[in-house]
């Protein structure tokens, strides 16, 4: 009886560094991004069904396409635009996402970071942005209490 280890990573070079390519018992599964149809379905669920209206459909589809088939990006941008009934906001989002291309990261991360940056830049006010940044001080999966944030905020 043996055991198996599952390692997940976004960076293939980590697998390479572990020598996984030389070990025939090791299997690497590359996950694909969502298809255009899957992306559109997820985006509609995040942004709301009104994106299928004749007024919004073309621009909403462009916005969804800018997310590059990445579920996290589709959900973040969809939720940020949910309820926005001004077509100009949607057109602006499509243009800004198209221009947002950090050059110092890998392709998949470029799309997600571009969407995160856009979402952050469109938070309602500076106080909300500051609170968001404060949350970065806490470890991943850490329960953040209002008291903890308040303690850091007041310093």
Protein backbone atom coordinates (compact mmCIF):
# COMPACT_ATOMS: atom_id res chain seq x y z
CA UNK A 1 0.00 0.00 0.00
CA UNK A 2 1.39 3.39 -0.95
CA UNK A 3 0.36 6.95 -0.71
CA UNK A 4 -0.16 9.72 -3.20
CA UNK A 5 0.57 13.39 -2.87
CA UNK A 6 -1.40 16.04 -4.67
CA UNK A 7 0.31 19.35 -5.29
CA UNK A 8 -1.48 22.24 -6.93
CA UNK A 9 0.33 25.19 -8.39
CA UNK A 10 -0.09 27.83 -11.04
CA UNK A 11 3.60 27.65 -11.85
CA UNK A 12 4.88 24.76 -13.94
CA UNK A 13 8.48 25.53 -13.00
CA UNK A 14 7.70 24.38 -9.46
CA UNK A 15 6.86 20.93 -10.82
CA UNK A 16 10.02 21.00 -12.90
CA UNK A 17 12.14 21.97 -9.89
CA UNK A 18 10.79 19.00 -7.95
CA UNK A 19 11.95 16.67 -10.70
CA UNK A 20 8.43 15.57 -11.46
CA UNK A 21 9.15 15.33 -15.17
CA UNK A 22 11.73 12.59 -14.59
CA UNK A 23 9.47 10.44 -12.44
CA UNK A 24 7.20 8.32 -14.63
CA UNK A 25 4.72 7.78 -11.80
CA UNK A 26 4.09 11.51 -11.59
CA UNK A 27 1.24 12.96 -13.58
CA UNK A 28 0.72 16.62 -14.33
CA UNK A 29 -2.78 17.83 -15.13
CA UNK A 30 -2.97 21.20 -16.80
CA UNK A 31 -6.29 22.90 -16.20
CA UNK A 32 -7.73 24.95 -19.00
CA UNK A 33 -9.47 28.28 -18.77
CA UNK A 34 -13.22 28.42 -19.33
CA UNK A 35 -14.59 28.40 -22.86
CA UNK A 36 -16.31 31.55 -24.13
CA UNK A 37 -19.70 29.95 -23.45
CA UNK A 38 -18.75 28.86 -19.92
CA UNK A 39 -17.25 32.30 -19.26
CA UNK A 40 -20.39 34.07 -20.44
CA UNK A 41 -22.60 31.84 -18.27
CA UNK A 42 -20.50 32.51 -15.17
CA UNK A 43 -20.32 36.23 -15.91
CA UNK A 44 -24.13 36.42 -16.31
CA UNK A 45 -24.61 34.69 -12.96
CA UNK A 46 -22.24 37.18 -11.32
CA UNK A 47 -23.38 40.37 -13.04
CA UNK A 48 -27.10 39.61 -13.35
CA UNK A 49 -29.33 38.45 -16.18
CA UNK A 50 -29.98 42.00 -17.43
CA UNK A 51 -26.62 41.79 -19.24
CA UNK A 52 -28.48 39.84 -21.92
CA UNK A 53 -30.68 42.83 -22.74
CA UNK A 54 -30.03 44.35 -26.18
CA UNK A 55 -28.59 47.49 -24.57
CA UNK A 56 -25.92 45.70 -22.53
CA UNK A 57 -25.21 42.40 -24.28
CA UNK A 58 -22.43 43.48 -26.67
CA UNK A 59 -20.45 45.50 -24.15
CA UNK A 60 -21.05 42.99 -21.34
CA UNK A 61 -19.74 40.24 -23.60
CA UNK A 62 -16.62 42.33 -24.30
CA UNK A 63 -16.09 42.81 -20.57
CA UNK A 64 -16.47 39.08 -19.96
CA UNK A 65 -14.04 38.31 -22.77
CA UNK A 66 -11.42 40.61 -21.22
CA UNK A 67 -11.43 38.29 -18.19
CA UNK A 68 -9.67 35.66 -20.29
CA UNK A 69 -11.79 32.69 -19.23
CA UNK A 70 -10.57 32.95 -15.64
CA UNK A 71 -13.33 32.24 -13.11
CA UNK A 72 -11.97 34.56 -10.40
CA UNK A 73 -11.70 37.47 -12.82
CA UNK A 74 -15.20 36.84 -14.21
CA UNK A 75 -16.75 36.77 -10.74
CA UNK A 76 -14.87 39.84 -9.45
CA UNK A 77 -15.70 42.01 -12.45
CA UNK A 78 -19.26 40.68 -12.76
CA UNK A 79 -20.04 41.45 -9.13
CA UNK A 80 -18.41 44.88 -9.36
CA UNK A 81 -20.65 45.77 -12.32
CA UNK A 82 -23.81 44.12 -10.98
CA UNK A 83 -26.63 46.62 -10.83
CA UNK A 84 -24.80 49.29 -12.84
CA UNK A 85 -27.44 50.44 -15.32
CA UNK A 86 -25.33 53.10 -17.05
CA UNK A 87 -23.95 51.75 -20.34
CA UNK A 88 -21.04 54.23 -20.14
CA UNK A 89 -19.79 52.49 -16.99
CA UNK A 90 -19.76 49.19 -18.86
CA UNK A 91 -17.97 50.68 -21.87
CA UNK A 92 -15.41 52.27 -19.55
CA UNK A 93 -14.87 48.92 -17.84
CA UNK A 94 -14.29 47.17 -21.17
CA UNK A 95 -11.76 49.81 -22.22
CA UNK A 96 -9.93 49.89 -18.89
CA UNK A 97 -9.72 46.11 -18.67
CA UNK A 98 -8.36 46.00 -22.20
CA UNK A 99 -5.61 48.47 -21.28
CA UNK A 100 -4.78 46.90 -17.92
CA UNK A 101 -1.81 44.64 -18.66
CA UNK A 102 0.84 44.30 -15.93
CA UNK A 103 4.00 43.18 -17.72
CA UNK A 104 5.94 41.60 -14.86
CA UNK A 105 3.72 38.54 -14.32
CA UNK A 106 2.75 35.40 -16.21
CA UNK A 107 -0.09 35.42 -18.76
CA UNK A 108 -2.80 33.93 -16.55
CA UNK A 109 -1.90 36.21 -13.66
CA UNK A 110 -1.93 39.24 -15.98
CA UNK A 111 -5.65 38.84 -16.58
CA UNK A 112 -6.54 38.27 -12.94
CA UNK A 113 -4.37 41.15 -11.72
CA UNK A 114 -5.83 43.45 -14.35
CA UNK A 115 -9.35 42.57 -13.20
CA UNK A 116 -8.43 42.95 -9.54
CA UNK A 117 -6.84 46.32 -10.22
CA UNK A 118 -9.92 47.49 -12.08
CA UNK A 119 -12.20 46.26 -9.29
CA UNK A 120 -10.08 48.01 -6.62
CA UNK A 121 -9.98 51.27 -8.59
CA UNK A 122 -13.77 51.24 -8.74
CA UNK A 123 -14.44 50.79 -5.05
CA UNK A 124 -16.85 53.53 -3.96
CA UNK A 125 -14.45 55.71 -1.94
CA UNK A 126 -10.99 56.02 -0.39
CA UNK A 127 -12.14 54.70 2.99
CA UNK A 128 -13.35 51.47 1.38
CA UNK A 129 -10.04 51.15 -0.46
CA UNK A 130 -8.12 51.64 2.81
CA UNK A 131 -10.23 48.98 4.54
CA UNK A 132 -9.60 46.60 1.66
CA UNK A 133 -5.85 47.19 1.93
CA UNK A 134 -5.98 46.63 5.70
CA UNK A 135 -7.38 43.17 5.07
CA UNK A 136 -4.13 42.35 3.26
CA UNK A 137 -2.35 42.50 6.62
CA UNK A 138 -4.10 39.33 7.74
CA UNK A 139 -3.06 35.84 6.63
CA UNK A 140 -5.06 34.00 3.99
CA UNK A 141 -8.10 32.14 5.40
CA UNK A 142 -7.84 34.12 8.66
CA UNK A 143 -11.12 35.15 10.25
CA UNK A 144 -10.97 38.92 10.41
CA UNK A 145 -13.00 40.42 13.22
CA UNK A 146 -14.24 43.99 13.22
CA UNK A 147 -12.24 44.49 16.44
CA UNK A 148 -8.99 43.45 14.69
CA UNK A 149 -9.58 45.76 11.76
CA UNK A 150 -10.67 48.56 14.09
CA UNK A 151 -7.50 48.15 16.14
CA UNK A 152 -5.28 48.43 13.09
CA UNK A 153 -7.40 51.21 11.58
CA UNK A 154 -7.09 53.45 14.66
CA UNK A 155 -3.26 53.26 14.75
